[in-house]
Amino acid sequence: MAEDAGPPNVRRRFSAVASSVSFSTQLDRSQLARFDRFYDEETKQGTLPFLLSDPGTDGWPLLSDDGTPLLTDEGVPILMAETWLCLFGQQLPVVAAMDMIWKVTFQVVVMP
């Protein structure tokens, strides 16, 4: 069948868009050193993608329609798993000292 009549067929290149998620966490000195190393070395100052567990899904129990956790035959709750492919956002992570704890605020871009 010829497609020379009617509206043109247009196909989108991508059907999903990236979403931005803001994070804020409190770290002790050793955790801050690990975060710094991850940011500087493992993601090359935020330019390389990384995997991050979805904090709203990963590790939470799978529920039935009435809200009861679904269990295995052994009675262990079935947990959901979700991992995001991320990049750090445009802004650099912000580190603020709070006595012996450091507050780190940053954005990640979750890829579709």
PDB file of N, CA and C in Angstrom:
ATOM      1  N   MET A   1       0.844  -1.173   0.000  1.00  0.00           N
ATOM      2  CA  MET A   1       0.000   0.000   0.000  1.00  0.00           C
ATOM      3  C   MET A   1       0.892   1.240   0.000  1.00  0.00           C
ATOM      4  N   ALA A   2       0.644   2.143  -0.876  1.00  0.00           N
ATOM      5  CA  ALA A   2       1.447   3.357  -0.993  1.00  0.00           C
ATOM      6  C   ALA A   2       1.084   4.335   0.107  1.00  0.00           C
ATOM      7  N   GLU A   3       2.090   5.055   0.559  1.00  0.00           N
ATOM      8  CA  GLU A   3       1.862   6.050   1.608  1.00  0.00           C
ATOM      9  C   GLU A   3       2.012   7.448   1.040  1.00  0.00           C
ATOM     10  N   ASP A   4       1.510   7.674  -0.164  1.00  0.00           N
ATOM     11  CA  ASP A   4       1.639   8.983  -0.778  1.00  0.00           C
ATOM     12  C   ASP A   4       0.430   9.862  -0.513  1.00  0.00           C
ATOM     13  N   ALA A   5      -0.547   9.373   0.237  1.00  0.00           N
ATOM     14  CA  ALA A   5      -1.720  10.170   0.572  1.00  0.00           C
ATOM     15  C   ALA A   5      -1.892  10.187   2.086  1.00  0.00           C
ATOM     16  N   GLY A   6      -2.512  11.241   2.577  1.00  0.00           N
ATOM     17  CA  GLY A   6      -2.758  11.326   4.016  1.00  0.00           C
ATOM     18  C   GLY A   6      -1.595  11.978   4.749  1.00  0.00           C
ATOM     19  N   PRO A   7      -1.717  12.048   6.071  1.00  0.00           N
ATOM     20  CA  PRO A   7      -0.667  12.702   6.857  1.00  0.00           C
ATOM     21  C   PRO A   7       0.622  11.888   6.839  1.00  0.00           C
ATOM     22  N   PRO A   8       1.756  12.552   6.961  1.00  0.00           N
ATOM     23  CA  PRO A   8       3.024  11.822   6.944  1.00  0.00           C
ATOM     24  C   PRO A   8       3.175  10.975   8.203  1.00  0.00           C
ATOM     25  N   ASN A   9       3.849   9.835   8.062  1.00  0.00           N
ATOM     26  CA  ASN A   9       4.162   8.997   9.213  1.00  0.00           C
ATOM     27  C   ASN A   9       5.377   9.601   9.906  1.00  0.00           C
ATOM     28  N   VAL A  10       5.203   9.947  11.155  1.00  0.00           N
ATOM     29  CA  VAL A  10       6.286  10.542  11.919  1.00  0.00           C
ATOM     30  C   VAL A  10       6.573   9.647  13.107  1.00  0.00           C
ATOM     31  N   ARG A  11       7.827   9.273  13.272  1.00  0.00           N
ATOM     32  CA  ARG A  11       8.225   8.434  14.385  1.00  0.00           C
ATOM     33  C   ARG A  11       9.157   9.231  15.291  1.00  0.00           C
ATOM     34  N   ARG A  12       8.821   9.261  16.563  1.00  0.00           N
ATOM     35  CA  ARG A  12       9.706   9.933  17.513  1.00  0.00           C
ATOM     36  C   ARG A  12      10.972   9.113  17.687  1.00  0.00           C
ATOM     37  N   ARG A  13      12.084   9.801  17.856  1.00  0.00           N
ATOM     38  CA  ARG A  13      13.349   9.103  18.065  1.00  0.00           C
ATOM     39  C   ARG A  13      13.408   8.485  19.451  1.00  0.00           C
ATOM     40  N   PHE A  14      12.882   9.185  20.445  1.00  0.00           N
ATOM     41  CA  PHE A  14      12.901   8.702  21.817  1.00  0.00           C
ATOM     42  C   PHE A  14      11.502   8.869  22.397  1.00  0.00           C
ATOM     43  N   SER A  15      11.037   7.892  23.150  1.00  0.00           N
ATOM     44  CA  SER A  15       9.694   7.971  23.701  1.00  0.00           C
ATOM     45  C   SER A  15       9.689   8.419  25.154  1.00  0.00           C
ATOM     46  N   ALA A  16      10.854   8.522  25.784  1.00  0.00           N
ATOM     47  CA  ALA A  16      10.909   8.925  27.182  1.00  0.00           C
ATOM     48  C   ALA A  16      11.956  10.021  27.357  1.00  0.00           C
ATOM     49  N   VAL A  17      11.804  10.780  28.405  1.00  0.00           N
ATOM     50  CA  VAL A  17      12.758  11.839  28.696  1.00  0.00           C
ATOM     51  C   VAL A  17      13.393  11.580  30.057  1.00  0.00           C
ATOM     52  N   ALA A  18      14.572  12.137  30.250  1.00  0.00           N
ATOM     53  CA  ALA A  18      15.258  11.996  31.528  1.00  0.00           C
ATOM     54  C   ALA A  18      14.529  12.827  32.581  1.00  0.00           C
ATOM     55  N   SER A  19      14.614  12.381  33.823  1.00  0.00           N
ATOM     56  CA  SER A  19      14.006  13.151  34.914  1.00  0.00           C
ATOM     57  C   SER A  19      15.071  13.504  35.945  1.00  0.00           C
ATOM     58  N   SER A  20      14.906  14.631  36.575  1.00  0.00           N
ATOM     59  CA  SER A  20      15.865  15.120  37.555  1.00  0.00           C
ATOM     60  C   SER A  20      15.338  14.854  38.963  1.00  0.00           C
ATOM     61  N   VAL A  21      16.216  14.346  39.831  1.00  0.00           N
ATOM     62  CA  VAL A  21      15.843  14.043  41.215  1.00  0.00           C
ATOM     63  C   VAL A  21      16.867  14.690  42.139  1.00  0.00           C
ATOM     64  N   SER A  22      16.391  15.420  43.136  1.00  0.00           N
ATOM     65  CA  SER A  22      17.275  16.062  44.110  1.00  0.00           C
ATOM     66  C   SER A  22      17.467  15.153  45.318  1.00  0.00           C
ATOM     67  N   PHE A  23      18.701  15.121  45.821  1.00  0.00           N
ATOM     68  CA  PHE A  23      19.031  14.318  46.997  1.00  0.00           C
ATOM     69  C   PHE A  23      19.731  15.191  48.012  1.00  0.00           C
ATOM     70  N   SER A  24      19.539  14.860  49.275  1.00  0.00           N
ATOM     71  CA  SER A  24      20.267  15.472  50.368  1.00  0.00           C
ATOM     72  C   SER A  24      20.525  14.377  51.388  1.00  0.00           C
ATOM     73  N   THR A  25      21.752  14.275  51.851  1.00  0.00           N
ATOM     74  CA  THR A  25      22.100  13.234  52.809  1.00  0.00           C
ATOM     75  C   THR A  25      23.097  13.776  53.819  1.00  0.00           C
ATOM     76  N   GLN A  26      23.144  13.148  54.976  1.00  0.00           N
ATOM     77  CA  GLN A  26      24.104  13.520  56.001  1.00  0.00           C
ATOM     78  C   GLN A  26      25.140  12.412  56.113  1.00  0.00           C
ATOM     79  N   LEU A  27      26.418  12.776  56.031  1.00  0.00           N
ATOM     80  CA  LEU A  27      27.504  11.804  56.013  1.00  0.00           C
ATOM     81  C   LEU A  27      28.514  12.097  57.109  1.00  0.00           C
ATOM     82  N   ASP A  28      29.094  11.032  57.667  1.00  0.00           N
ATOM     83  CA  ASP A  28      30.217  11.253  58.578  1.00  0.00           C
ATOM     84  C   ASP A  28      31.477  11.438  57.729  1.00  0.00           C
ATOM     85  N   ARG A  29      32.607  11.647  58.368  1.00  0.00           N
ATOM     86  CA  ARG A  29      33.837  11.977  57.633  1.00  0.00           C
ATOM     87  C   ARG A  29      34.254  10.881  56.668  1.00  0.00           C
ATOM     88  N   SER A  30      34.176   9.612  57.070  1.00  0.00           N
ATOM     89  CA  SER A  30      34.592   8.537  56.172  1.00  0.00           C
ATOM     90  C   SER A  30      33.609   8.369  55.009  1.00  0.00           C
ATOM     91  N   GLN A  31      32.329   8.560  55.267  1.00  0.00           N
ATOM     92  CA  GLN A  31      31.338   8.486  54.193  1.00  0.00           C
ATOM     93  C   GLN A  31      31.527   9.623  53.197  1.00  0.00           C
ATOM     94  N   LEU A  32      31.862  10.819  53.706  1.00  0.00           N
ATOM     95  CA  LEU A  32      32.122  11.955  52.817  1.00  0.00           C
ATOM     96  C   LEU A  32      33.342  11.679  51.939  1.00  0.00           C
ATOM     97  N   ALA A  33      34.387  11.085  52.514  1.00  0.00           N
ATOM     98  CA  ALA A  33      35.574  10.742  51.726  1.00  0.00           C
ATOM     99  C   ALA A  33      35.206   9.744  50.631  1.00  0.00           C
ATOM    100  N   ARG A  34      34.333   8.789  50.939  1.00  0.00           N
ATOM    101  CA  ARG A  34      33.905   7.801  49.929  1.00  0.00           C
ATOM    102  C   ARG A  34      33.082   8.479  48.840  1.00  0.00           C
ATOM    103  N   PHE A  35      32.201   9.408  49.222  1.00  0.00           N
ATOM    104  CA  PHE A  35      31.411  10.151  48.233  1.00  0.00           C
ATOM    105  C   PHE A  35      32.341  10.958  47.321  1.00  0.00           C
ATOM    106  N   ASP A  36      33.306  11.657  47.911  1.00  0.00           N
ATOM    107  CA  ASP A  36      34.254  12.459  47.128  1.00  0.00           C
ATOM    108  C   ASP A  36      35.006  11.594  46.126  1.00  0.00           C
ATOM    109  N   ARG A  37      35.460  10.435  46.580  1.00  0.00           N
ATOM    110  CA  ARG A  37      36.185   9.524  45.679  1.00  0.00           C
ATOM    111  C   ARG A  37      35.278   9.049  44.540  1.00  0.00           C
ATOM    112  N   PHE A  38      34.041   8.691  44.882  1.00  0.00           N
ATOM    113  CA  PHE A  38      33.086   8.248  43.866  1.00  0.00           C
ATOM    114  C   PHE A  38      32.871   9.350  42.826  1.00  0.00           C
ATOM    115  N   TYR A  39      32.637  10.565  43.290  1.00  0.00           N
ATOM    116  CA  TYR A  39      32.371  11.685  42.384  1.00  0.00           C
ATOM    117  C   TYR A  39      33.606  12.007  41.542  1.00  0.00           C
ATOM    118  N   ASP A  40      34.760  12.137  42.186  1.00  0.00           N
ATOM    119  CA  ASP A  40      35.977  12.565  41.484  1.00  0.00           C
ATOM    120  C   ASP A  40      36.559  11.481  40.580  1.00  0.00           C
ATOM    121  N   GLU A  41      36.662  10.268  41.076  1.00  0.00           N
ATOM    122  CA  GLU A  41      37.369   9.213  40.344  1.00  0.00           C
ATOM    123  C   GLU A  41      36.457   8.291  39.545  1.00  0.00           C
ATOM    124  N   GLU A  42      35.403   7.800  40.179  1.00  0.00           N
ATOM    125  CA  GLU A  42      34.576   6.792  39.514  1.00  0.00           C
ATOM    126  C   GLU A  42      33.626   7.384  38.476  1.00  0.00           C
ATOM    127  N   THR A  43      33.159   8.609  38.705  1.00  0.00           N
ATOM    128  CA  THR A  43      32.293   9.244  37.699  1.00  0.00           C
ATOM    129  C   THR A  43      33.016  10.366  36.966  1.00  0.00           C
ATOM    130  N   LYS A  44      34.333  10.479  37.172  1.00  0.00           N
ATOM    131  CA  LYS A  44      35.145  11.511  36.507  1.00  0.00           C
ATOM    132  C   LYS A  44      34.515  12.884  36.664  1.00  0.00           C
ATOM    133  N   GLN A  45      34.333  13.270  37.923  1.00  0.00           N
ATOM    134  CA  GLN A  45      33.743  14.544  38.327  1.00  0.00           C
ATOM    135  C   GLN A  45      32.331  14.726  37.765  1.00  0.00           C
ATOM    136  N   GLY A  46      31.584  13.640  37.826  1.00  0.00           N
ATOM    137  CA  GLY A  46      30.180  13.682  37.456  1.00  0.00           C
ATOM    138  C   GLY A  46      29.877  13.521  35.987  1.00  0.00           C
ATOM    139  N   THR A  47      30.870  13.157  35.167  1.00  0.00           N
ATOM    140  CA  THR A  47      30.637  13.062  33.723  1.00  0.00           C
ATOM    141  C   THR A  47      30.279  11.651  33.250  1.00  0.00           C
ATOM    142  N   LEU A  48      30.512  10.632  34.068  1.00  0.00           N
ATOM    143  CA  LEU A  48      30.199   9.254  33.677  1.00  0.00           C
ATOM    144  C   LEU A  48      28.913   8.776  34.351  1.00  0.00           C
ATOM    145  N   PRO A  49      28.135   7.936  33.669  1.00  0.00           N
ATOM    146  CA  PRO A  49      26.907   7.410  34.276  1.00  0.00           C
ATOM    147  C   PRO A  49      27.217   6.401  35.379  1.00  0.00           C
ATOM    148  N   PHE A  50      26.241   6.215  36.260  1.00  0.00           N
ATOM    149  CA  PHE A  50      26.373   5.248  37.347  1.00  0.00           C
ATOM    150  C   PHE A  50      25.002   4.675  37.668  1.00  0.00           C
ATOM    151  N   LEU A  51      24.991   3.550  38.364  1.00  0.00           N
ATOM    152  CA  LEU A  51      23.747   2.907  38.774  1.00  0.00           C
ATOM    153  C   LEU A  51      23.404   3.327  40.196  1.00  0.00           C
ATOM    154  N   LEU A  52      22.111   3.556  40.438  1.00  0.00           N
ATOM    155  CA  LEU A  52      21.634   3.971  41.745  1.00  0.00           C
ATOM    156  C   LEU A  52      20.329   3.230  42.023  1.00  0.00           C
ATOM    157  N   SER A  53      20.220   2.625  43.193  1.00  0.00           N
ATOM    158  CA  SER A  53      18.970   1.970  43.581  1.00  0.00           C
ATOM    159  C   SER A  53      17.875   3.020  43.728  1.00  0.00           C
ATOM    160  N   ASP A  54      16.708   2.744  43.164  1.00  0.00           N
ATOM    161  CA  ASP A  54      15.568   3.655  43.265  1.00  0.00           C
ATOM    162  C   ASP A  54      15.108   3.683  44.718  1.00  0.00           C
ATOM    163  N   PRO A  55      15.260   4.827  45.408  1.00  0.00           N
ATOM    164  CA  PRO A  55      14.924   4.862  46.829  1.00  0.00           C
ATOM    165  C   PRO A  55      13.432   4.689  47.118  1.00  0.00           C
ATOM    166  N   GLY A  56      12.587   4.912  46.141  1.00  0.00           N
ATOM    167  CA  GLY A  56      11.153   4.771  46.360  1.00  0.00           C
ATOM    168  C   GLY A  56      10.613   3.394  46.028  1.00  0.00           C
ATOM    169  N   THR A  57      11.457   2.516  45.474  1.00  0.00           N
ATOM    170  CA  THR A  57      11.000   1.186  45.062  1.00  0.00           C
ATOM    171  C   THR A  57      11.902   0.079  45.593  1.00  0.00           C
ATOM    172  N   ASP A  58      13.192   0.202  45.396  1.00  0.00           N
ATOM    173  CA  ASP A  58      14.127  -0.881  45.690  1.00  0.00           C
ATOM    174  C   ASP A  58      14.115  -1.247  47.178  1.00  0.00           C
ATOM    175  N   GLY A  59      13.890  -2.529  47.452  1.00  0.00           N
ATOM    176  CA  GLY A  59      13.909  -3.033  48.822  1.00  0.00           C
ATOM    177  C   GLY A  59      12.576  -2.970  49.544  1.00  0.00           C
ATOM    178  N   TRP A  60      11.568  -2.387  48.919  1.00  0.00           N
ATOM    179  CA  TRP A  60      10.245  -2.326  49.534  1.00  0.00           C
ATOM    180  C   TRP A  60       9.476  -3.605  49.219  1.00  0.00           C
ATOM    181  N   PRO A  61       8.600  -4.065  50.129  1.00  0.00           N
ATOM    182  CA  PRO A  61       7.856  -5.305  49.874  1.00  0.00           C
ATOM    183  C   PRO A  61       6.817  -5.135  48.767  1.00  0.00           C
ATOM    184  N   LEU A  62       6.641  -6.195  48.001  1.00  0.00           N
ATOM    185  CA  LEU A  62       5.606  -6.257  46.979  1.00  0.00           C
ATOM    186  C   LEU A  62       4.296  -6.557  47.693  1.00  0.00           C
ATOM    187  N   LEU A  63       3.249  -5.780  47.409  1.00  0.00           N
ATOM    188  CA  LEU A  63       1.988  -5.905  48.134  1.00  0.00           C
ATOM    189  C   LEU A  63       0.882  -6.465  47.254  1.00  0.00           C
ATOM    190  N   SER A  64      -0.049  -7.170  47.899  1.00  0.00           N
ATOM    191  CA  SER A  64      -1.246  -7.643  47.203  1.00  0.00           C
ATOM    192  C   SER A  64      -2.223  -6.485  47.062  1.00  0.00           C
ATOM    193  N   ASP A  65      -3.364  -6.729  46.421  1.00  0.00           N
ATOM    194  CA  ASP A  65      -4.364  -5.675  46.230  1.00  0.00           C
ATOM    195  C   ASP A  65      -4.885  -5.108  47.544  1.00  0.00           C
ATOM    196  N   ASP A  66      -4.904  -5.915  48.608  1.00  0.00           N
ATOM    197  CA  ASP A  66      -5.404  -5.428  49.899  1.00  0.00           C
ATOM    198  C   ASP A  66      -4.298  -4.852  50.786  1.00  0.00           C
ATOM    199  N   GLY A  67      -3.061  -4.739  50.258  1.00  0.00           N
ATOM    200  CA  GLY A  67      -1.974  -4.127  50.994  1.00  0.00           C
ATOM    201  C   GLY A  67      -1.141  -5.081  51.828  1.00  0.00           C
ATOM    202  N   THR A  68      -1.435  -6.370  51.752  1.00  0.00           N
ATOM    203  CA  THR A  68      -0.673  -7.373  52.499  1.00  0.00           C
ATOM    204  C   THR A  68       0.586  -7.730  51.720  1.00  0.00           C
ATOM    205  N   PRO A  69       1.744  -7.794  52.398  1.00  0.00           N
ATOM    206  CA  PRO A  69       2.975  -8.185  51.696  1.00  0.00           C
ATOM    207  C   PRO A  69       2.884  -9.601  51.136  1.00  0.00           C
ATOM    208  N   LEU A  70       3.339  -9.766  49.893  1.00  0.00           N
ATOM    209  CA  LEU A  70       3.397 -11.098  49.292  1.00  0.00           C
ATOM    210  C   LEU A  70       4.616 -11.825  49.849  1.00  0.00           C
ATOM    211  N   LEU A  71       4.445 -13.123  50.139  1.00  0.00           N
ATOM    212  CA  LEU A  71       5.501 -13.903  50.767  1.00  0.00           C
ATOM    213  C   LEU A  71       5.901 -15.082  49.899  1.00  0.00           C
ATOM    214  N   THR A  72       7.156 -15.534  50.071  1.00  0.00           N
ATOM    215  CA  THR A  72       7.610 -16.769  49.430  1.00  0.00           C
ATOM    216  C   THR A  72       7.020 -17.947  50.200  1.00  0.00           C
ATOM    217  N   ASP A  73       7.265 -19.155  49.716  1.00  0.00           N
ATOM    218  CA  ASP A  73       6.790 -20.359  50.408  1.00  0.00           C
ATOM    219  C   ASP A  73       7.362 -20.459  51.821  1.00  0.00           C
ATOM    220  N   GLU A  74       8.526 -19.864  52.031  1.00  0.00           N
ATOM    221  CA  GLU A  74       9.171 -19.898  53.353  1.00  0.00           C
ATOM    222  C   GLU A  74       8.697 -18.763  54.257  1.00  0.00           C
ATOM    223  N   GLY A  75       7.790 -17.900  53.786  1.00  0.00           N
ATOM    224  CA  GLY A  75       7.268 -16.813  54.593  1.00  0.00           C
ATOM    225  C   GLY A  75       8.096 -15.542  54.550  1.00  0.00           C
ATOM    226  N   VAL A  76       9.031 -15.456  53.609  1.00  0.00           N
ATOM    227  CA  VAL A  76       9.886 -14.268  53.479  1.00  0.00           C
ATOM    228  C   VAL A  76       9.220 -13.288  52.519  1.00  0.00           C
ATOM    229  N   PRO A  77       9.138 -12.005  52.886  1.00  0.00           N
ATOM    230  CA  PRO A  77       8.525 -11.022  51.974  1.00  0.00           C
ATOM    231  C   PRO A  77       9.283 -10.933  50.645  1.00  0.00           C
ATOM    232  N   ILE A  78       8.527 -10.795  49.564  1.00  0.00           N
ATOM    233  CA  ILE A  78       9.110 -10.586  48.238  1.00  0.00           C
ATOM    234  C   ILE A  78       9.360  -9.091  48.092  1.00  0.00           C
ATOM    235  N   LEU A  79      10.603  -8.730  47.834  1.00  0.00           N
ATOM    236  CA  LEU A  79      10.972  -7.330  47.743  1.00  0.00           C
ATOM    237  C   LEU A  79      11.086  -6.891  46.288  1.00  0.00           C
ATOM    238  N   MET A  80      10.696  -5.645  46.034  1.00  0.00           N
ATOM    239  CA  MET A  80      10.817  -5.074  44.690  1.00  0.00           C
ATOM    240  C   MET A  80      12.258  -4.640  44.459  1.00  0.00           C
ATOM    241  N   ALA A  81      12.657  -4.623  43.205  1.00  0.00           N
ATOM    242  CA  ALA A  81      14.002  -4.174  42.839  1.00  0.00           C
ATOM    243  C   ALA A  81      13.884  -3.214  41.664  1.00  0.00           C
ATOM    244  N   GLU A  82      14.569  -2.094  41.785  1.00  0.00           N
ATOM    245  CA  GLU A  82      14.590  -1.090  40.715  1.00  0.00           C
ATOM    246  C   GLU A  82      15.916  -0.359  40.784  1.00  0.00           C
ATOM    247  N   THR A  83      16.589  -0.281  39.660  1.00  0.00           N
ATOM    248  CA  THR A  83      17.869   0.415  39.579  1.00  0.00           C
ATOM    249  C   THR A  83      17.786   1.463  38.488  1.00  0.00           C
ATOM    250  N   TRP A  84      18.295   2.652  38.787  1.00  0.00           N
ATOM    251  CA  TRP A  84      18.320   3.745  37.818  1.00  0.00           C
ATOM    252  C   TRP A  84      19.696   3.858  37.197  1.00  0.00           C
ATOM    253  N   LEU A  85      19.740   4.231  35.921  1.00  0.00           N
ATOM    254  CA  LEU A  85      20.969   4.660  35.265  1.00  0.00           C
ATOM    255  C   LEU A  85      20.974   6.178  35.361  1.00  0.00           C
ATOM    256  N   CYS A  86      21.998   6.739  36.009  1.00  0.00           N
ATOM    257  CA  CYS A  86      22.006   8.171  36.341  1.00  0.00           C
ATOM    258  C   CYS A  86      23.272   8.874  35.885  1.00  0.00           C
ATOM    259  N   LEU A  87      23.161  10.166  35.807  1.00  0.00           N
ATOM    260  CA  LEU A  87      24.285  11.094  35.684  1.00  0.00           C
ATOM    261  C   LEU A  87      24.095  12.155  36.759  1.00  0.00           C
ATOM    262  N   PHE A  88      25.187  12.742  37.238  1.00  0.00           N
ATOM    263  CA  PHE A  88      25.037  13.870  38.145  1.00  0.00           C
ATOM    264  C   PHE A  88      24.452  15.035  37.362  1.00  0.00           C
ATOM    265  N   GLY A  89      23.665  15.888  38.032  1.00  0.00           N
ATOM    266  CA  GLY A  89      23.045  17.041  37.404  1.00  0.00           C
ATOM    267  C   GLY A  89      24.058  18.118  37.058  1.00  0.00           C
ATOM    268  N   GLN A  90      23.570  19.217  36.517  1.00  0.00           N
ATOM    269  CA  GLN A  90      24.412  20.319  36.058  1.00  0.00           C
ATOM    270  C   GLN A  90      25.186  20.982  37.196  1.00  0.00           C
ATOM    271  N   GLN A  91      24.562  21.103  38.364  1.00  0.00           N
ATOM    272  CA  GLN A  91      25.205  21.786  39.485  1.00  0.00           C
ATOM    273  C   GLN A  91      26.113  20.827  40.249  1.00  0.00           C
ATOM    274  N   LEU A  92      27.224  21.348  40.734  1.00  0.00           N
ATOM    275  CA  LEU A  92      28.138  20.558  41.548  1.00  0.00           C
ATOM    276  C   LEU A  92      27.476  20.207  42.876  1.00  0.00           C
ATOM    277  N   PRO A  93      27.831  19.054  43.462  1.00  0.00           N
ATOM    278  CA  PRO A  93      27.322  18.747  44.799  1.00  0.00           C
ATOM    279  C   PRO A  93      27.736  19.832  45.798  1.00  0.00           C
ATOM    280  N   VAL A  94      26.828  20.157  46.700  1.00  0.00           N
ATOM    281  CA  VAL A  94      27.082  21.168  47.725  1.00  0.00           C
ATOM    282  C   VAL A  94      27.325  20.444  49.046  1.00  0.00           C
ATOM    283  N   VAL A  95      28.467  20.753  49.683  1.00  0.00           N
ATOM    284  CA  VAL A  95      28.826  20.135  50.958  1.00  0.00           C
ATOM    285  C   VAL A  95      28.838  21.207  52.028  1.00  0.00           C
ATOM    286  N   ALA A  96      28.085  20.989  53.103  1.00  0.00           N
ATOM    287  CA  ALA A  96      28.019  21.941  54.210  1.00  0.00           C
ATOM    288  C   ALA A  96      28.348  21.214  55.508  1.00  0.00           C
ATOM    289  N   ALA A  97      29.317  21.745  56.257  1.00  0.00           N
ATOM    290  CA  ALA A  97      29.695  21.155  57.538  1.00  0.00           C
ATOM    291  C   ALA A  97      28.632  21.454  58.583  1.00  0.00           C
ATOM    292  N   MET A  98      28.273  20.428  59.348  1.00  0.00           N
ATOM    293  CA  MET A  98      27.305  20.556  60.436  1.00  0.00           C
ATOM    294  C   MET A  98      27.892  19.841  61.651  1.00  0.00           C
ATOM    295  N   ASP A  99      28.774  20.510  62.385  1.00  0.00           N
ATOM    296  CA  ASP A  99      29.461  19.920  63.526  1.00  0.00           C
ATOM    297  C   ASP A  99      30.323  18.758  63.035  1.00  0.00           C
ATOM    298  N   MET A 100      30.026  17.526  63.402  1.00  0.00           N
ATOM    299  CA  MET A 100      30.833  16.365  62.986  1.00  0.00           C
ATOM    300  C   MET A 100      30.208  15.643  61.798  1.00  0.00           C
ATOM    301  N   ILE A 101      29.156  16.198  61.233  1.00  0.00           N
ATOM    302  CA  ILE A 101      28.435  15.603  60.105  1.00  0.00           C
ATOM    303  C   ILE A 101      28.457  16.602  58.955  1.00  0.00           C
ATOM    304  N   TRP A 102      28.497  16.087  57.737  1.00  0.00           N
ATOM    305  CA  TRP A 102      28.464  16.933  56.552  1.00  0.00           C
ATOM    306  C   TRP A 102      27.177  16.665  55.792  1.00  0.00           C
ATOM    307  N   LYS A 103      26.480  17.730  55.411  1.00  0.00           N
ATOM    308  CA  LYS A 103      25.268  17.615  54.602  1.00  0.00           C
ATOM    309  C   LYS A 103      25.679  17.776  53.146  1.00  0.00           C
ATOM    310  N   VAL A 104      25.355  16.782  52.328  1.00  0.00           N
ATOM    311  CA  VAL A 104      25.680  16.807  50.901  1.00  0.00           C
ATOM    312  C   VAL A 104      24.376  16.851  50.122  1.00  0.00           C
ATOM    313  N   THR A 105      24.243  17.864  49.260  1.00  0.00           N
ATOM    314  CA  THR A 105      23.054  18.033  48.428  1.00  0.00           C
ATOM    315  C   THR A 105      23.497  17.985  46.970  1.00  0.00           C
ATOM    316  N   PHE A 106      22.771  17.202  46.168  1.00  0.00           N
ATOM    317  CA  PHE A 106      23.120  17.073  44.752  1.00  0.00           C
ATOM    318  C   PHE A 106      21.903  16.632  43.962  1.00  0.00           C
ATOM    319  N   GLN A 107      22.007  16.763  42.656  1.00  0.00           N
ATOM    320  CA  GLN A 107      20.948  16.307  41.745  1.00  0.00           C
ATOM    321  C   GLN A 107      21.486  15.193  40.877  1.00  0.00           C
ATOM    322  N   VAL A 108      20.607  14.243  40.565  1.00  0.00           N
ATOM    323  CA  VAL A 108      20.933  13.232  39.574  1.00  0.00           C
ATOM    324  C   VAL A 108      19.903  13.307  38.466  1.00  0.00           C
ATOM    325  N   VAL A 109      20.315  12.974  37.266  1.00  0.00           N
ATOM    326  CA  VAL A 109      19.427  12.882  36.120  1.00  0.00           C
ATOM    327  C   VAL A 109      19.244  11.395  35.851  1.00  0.00           C
ATOM    328  N   VAL A 110      18.003  10.938  35.959  1.00  0.00           N
ATOM    329  CA  VAL A 110      17.676   9.530  35.747  1.00  0.00           C
ATOM    330  C   VAL A 110      17.373   9.351  34.264  1.00  0.00           C
ATOM    331  N   MET A 111      18.173   8.497  33.634  1.00  0.00           N
ATOM    332  CA  MET A 111      18.018   8.271  32.200  1.00  0.00           C
ATOM    333  C   MET A 111      16.818   7.361  31.929  1.00  0.00           C
ATOM    334  N   PRO A 112      16.146   7.566  30.805  1.00  0.00           N
ATOM    335  CA  PRO A 112      14.985   6.717  30.474  1.00  0.00           C
ATOM    336  C   PRO A 112      15.389   5.300  30.126  1.00  0.00           C
TER     337      PRO A 112
END
